[in-house]
Amino acid sequence: MEPVRFPELTTPRLVLRAPSERDIPAWFARATDVESASLAGDPIPADISAGARWFAHSRQLFTDGKAIKWSIDQVGVSEPTGTITLSFGATVAKTAALGFVLARGHWGQGLGSEAAREVIRYAFETLALQKVTAEAVARKIASLRILAKLGFKHIESYIDDSDGERCERFALDGDIGKALLSSNKMPDC
């Protein structure tokens, strides 16, 4: 059997590609930024060796069919701007969870929404998913705005047991997502 090829996605400003070892320094810089790590709900790594584990884990998730994690490259920028992930739940077929994290220097430029829009397009058109979900901490206003702009509907608010943080859960139904894509009403954020 031939191995599954990693899906590279492109937009006018971005290339979403498989993570590589060259991404580790940029990942470490983002992961050790206290505010960025806090908003992403990630623990702060002790040292850069955690980057090798992050990279290996990303590859293994893809190999096992559990997630696709893309590194986000901005055209003309030498280091990756962040990551975006589709995680596939074992219990719910045709559903995936969307997550994205950008380095602080790339916040507020529309890159997160551009990457998310392309991943949603891939999820519904290529993978034929029926639903994409997303979660964000309530104080992560930019992410909440991105999800709203992309047509996600608020499902519930909850308190994360691990840190006591208020979070929001969203879903985008495949029929709505496909309608937005086919009518070109998917926002150009």
Protein backbone atom coordinates (compact mmCIF):
# COMPACT_ATOMS: atom_id res chain seq x y z
CA MET A 1 0.00 0.00 0.00
CA GLU A 2 1.27 3.43 -0.90
CA PRO A 3 1.68 5.90 2.02
CA VAL A 4 -0.85 8.70 2.25
CA ARG A 5 0.62 11.89 0.87
CA PHE A 6 0.51 14.97 3.10
CA PRO A 7 -1.99 17.51 1.70
CA GLU A 8 -0.29 20.83 0.99
CA LEU A 9 -2.75 23.72 0.74
CA THR A 10 -2.14 27.20 -0.67
CA THR A 11 -3.83 30.58 -0.62
CA PRO A 12 -2.65 33.83 -2.17
CA ARG A 13 -0.56 34.63 0.95
CA LEU A 14 0.00 31.25 2.59
CA VAL A 15 1.36 27.77 2.13
CA LEU A 16 0.06 25.15 4.57
CA ARG A 17 2.57 22.29 4.58
CA ALA A 18 3.81 19.38 6.63
CA PRO A 19 5.80 20.44 9.69
CA SER A 20 9.54 19.90 9.41
CA GLU A 21 12.51 20.05 11.74
CA ARG A 22 13.28 23.56 10.50
CA ASP A 23 10.04 24.68 12.22
CA ILE A 24 11.27 23.78 15.70
CA PRO A 25 12.92 27.13 16.58
CA ALA A 26 9.80 29.10 15.53
CA TRP A 27 7.57 26.62 17.39
CA PHE A 28 9.74 27.01 20.51
CA ALA A 29 9.60 30.82 20.31
CA ARG A 30 5.79 30.70 20.06
CA ALA A 31 5.45 28.01 22.71
CA THR A 32 7.54 29.96 25.24
CA ASP A 33 5.63 33.20 24.70
CA VAL A 34 3.60 33.15 27.93
CA GLU A 35 0.52 34.94 26.53
CA SER A 36 0.45 32.91 23.32
CA ALA A 37 0.86 29.62 25.20
CA SER A 38 -1.83 30.62 27.69
CA LEU A 39 -4.32 31.51 24.96
CA ALA A 40 -3.58 28.24 23.17
CA GLY A 41 -3.92 26.27 26.40
CA ASP A 42 -0.45 24.82 25.93
CA PRO A 43 2.13 24.14 28.63
CA ILE A 44 5.36 26.10 28.26
CA PRO A 45 8.18 23.75 27.27
CA ALA A 46 11.28 23.62 29.49
CA ASP A 47 13.74 23.69 26.58
CA ILE A 48 13.97 23.41 22.82
CA SER A 49 14.31 19.61 22.95
CA ALA A 50 10.52 19.60 23.40
CA GLY A 51 10.38 20.75 19.77
CA ALA A 52 11.69 17.43 18.54
CA ARG A 53 8.91 15.67 20.47
CA TRP A 54 6.34 18.12 19.05
CA PHE A 55 7.59 17.41 15.53
CA ALA A 56 7.60 13.62 16.01
CA HIS A 57 4.13 13.74 17.59
CA SER A 58 2.77 15.79 14.66
CA ARG A 59 4.11 13.24 12.17
CA GLN A 60 2.76 10.31 14.18
CA LEU A 61 -0.72 11.81 14.42
CA PHE A 62 -0.80 12.12 10.62
CA THR A 63 0.57 8.61 10.09
CA ASP A 64 -2.07 7.20 12.45
CA GLY A 65 -4.86 9.16 10.72
CA LYS A 66 -5.68 11.07 13.91
CA ALA A 67 -4.85 14.60 12.78
CA ILE A 68 -3.39 16.77 10.07
CA LYS A 69 -1.18 19.51 11.50
CA TRP A 70 0.03 22.05 8.97
CA SER A 71 2.81 24.57 9.44
CA ILE A 72 1.65 27.94 8.14
CA ASP A 73 4.16 29.71 5.92
CA GLN A 74 3.50 33.25 4.82
CA VAL A 75 4.80 33.94 1.33
CA GLY A 76 8.02 35.95 1.60
CA VAL A 77 8.56 35.22 5.32
CA SER A 78 11.39 32.85 6.19
CA GLU A 79 10.00 31.21 9.32
CA PRO A 80 6.56 29.66 9.84
CA THR A 81 3.88 31.93 11.25
CA GLY A 82 2.05 29.21 13.19
CA THR A 83 0.19 25.92 12.90
CA ILE A 84 -3.33 24.81 12.08
CA THR A 85 -4.76 21.38 12.81
CA LEU A 86 -7.70 19.18 11.93
CA SER A 87 -8.06 16.46 14.60
CA PHE A 88 -10.24 13.46 13.92
CA GLY A 89 -12.21 11.98 16.81
CA ALA A 90 -12.31 8.22 17.17
CA THR A 91 -15.98 8.21 18.10
CA VAL A 92 -17.56 10.59 15.61
CA ALA A 93 -17.06 9.74 11.95
CA LYS A 94 -16.97 12.54 9.41
CA THR A 95 -16.22 15.15 12.09
CA ALA A 96 -13.00 16.97 12.87
CA ALA A 97 -11.89 19.63 15.34
CA LEU A 98 -10.11 22.73 14.07
CA GLY A 99 -7.35 24.42 16.05
CA PHE A 100 -4.86 27.13 15.12
CA VAL A 101 -2.05 29.04 16.78
CA LEU A 102 -0.10 31.99 15.35
CA ALA A 103 3.07 33.56 16.64
CA ARG A 104 2.43 36.95 18.23
CA GLY A 105 4.23 38.84 15.47
CA HIS A 106 1.61 37.62 13.00
CA TRP A 107 -1.54 38.44 14.99
CA GLY A 108 -4.06 40.85 13.48
CA GLN A 109 -3.09 40.31 9.83
CA GLY A 110 -5.94 38.01 8.80
CA LEU A 111 -3.60 35.03 8.46
CA GLY A 112 -5.49 32.84 10.93
CA SER A 113 -8.79 33.31 9.16
CA GLU A 114 -7.17 32.80 5.75
CA ALA A 115 -5.58 29.53 6.87
CA ALA A 116 -8.77 28.38 8.63
CA ARG A 117 -10.90 29.14 5.58
CA GLU A 118 -8.61 26.99 3.40
CA VAL A 119 -8.59 24.11 5.89
CA ILE A 120 -12.39 24.26 6.13
CA ARG A 121 -12.58 24.15 2.34
CA TYR A 122 -10.34 21.07 2.37
CA ALA A 123 -12.37 19.46 5.17
CA PHE A 124 -15.69 19.76 3.35
CA GLU A 125 -14.67 19.48 -0.31
CA THR A 126 -11.86 16.91 -0.18
CA LEU A 127 -12.46 14.96 3.03
CA ALA A 128 -16.27 15.21 2.74
CA LEU A 129 -16.62 15.88 6.45
CA GLN A 130 -20.08 16.55 7.85
CA LYS A 131 -19.04 18.86 10.67
CA VAL A 132 -16.02 20.82 11.91
CA THR A 133 -15.89 21.87 15.54
CA ALA A 134 -13.65 24.35 17.34
CA GLU A 135 -12.99 25.49 20.88
CA ALA A 136 -11.36 28.62 22.25
CA VAL A 137 -10.86 30.23 25.63
CA ALA A 138 -13.38 33.04 26.10
CA ARG A 139 -10.65 35.69 26.40
CA LYS A 140 -9.21 34.73 23.00
CA ILE A 141 -11.31 37.38 21.26
CA ALA A 142 -9.51 37.22 17.90
CA SER A 143 -10.14 33.48 17.56
CA LEU A 144 -13.79 33.91 18.54
CA ARG A 145 -14.15 36.55 15.81
CA ILE A 146 -12.49 34.29 13.22
CA LEU A 147 -14.85 31.43 14.04
CA ALA A 148 -17.89 33.72 13.82
CA LYS A 149 -16.74 35.18 10.48
CA LEU A 150 -16.28 31.68 9.08
CA GLY A 151 -19.85 30.71 9.93
CA PHE A 152 -19.27 28.65 13.08
CA LYS A 153 -22.26 28.58 15.44
CA HIS A 154 -21.81 28.82 19.20
CA ILE A 155 -22.77 25.53 20.85
CA GLU A 156 -21.93 26.04 24.52
CA SER A 157 -19.79 27.70 27.14
CA TYR A 158 -17.98 25.54 29.68
CA ILE A 159 -15.26 25.68 32.30
CA ASP A 160 -12.08 23.77 31.46
CA ASP A 161 -11.43 21.41 34.39
CA SER A 162 -7.66 21.52 33.88
CA ASP A 163 -7.26 25.27 34.46
CA GLY A 164 -10.67 26.70 35.42
CA GLU A 165 -10.73 28.83 32.26
CA ARG A 166 -14.07 29.68 30.61
CA CYS A 167 -14.14 28.28 27.08
CA GLU A 168 -16.48 28.41 24.12
CA ARG A 169 -17.38 25.52 21.82
CA PHE A 170 -18.47 26.00 18.20
CA ALA A 171 -19.54 23.88 15.23
CA LEU A 172 -19.83 24.37 11.49
CA ASP A 173 -22.24 21.97 9.83
CA GLY A 174 -21.08 20.55 6.51
CA ASP A 175 -24.19 21.69 4.66
CA ILE A 176 -23.68 25.27 5.85
CA GLY A 177 -19.95 25.13 5.15
CA LYS A 178 -20.49 23.75 1.64
CA ALA A 179 -23.15 26.38 0.94
CA LEU A 180 -20.79 29.14 2.05
CA LEU A 181 -18.02 27.72 -0.12
CA SER A 182 -20.17 27.19 -3.21
CA SER A 183 -21.76 30.63 -3.00
CA ASN A 184 -18.37 32.26 -2.41
CA LYS A 185 -19.83 33.80 0.76
CA MET A 186 -17.00 32.39 2.83
CA PRO A 187 -15.53 35.65 4.13
CA ASP A 188 -12.18 36.84 2.80
CA CYS A 189 -11.26 37.85 6.36
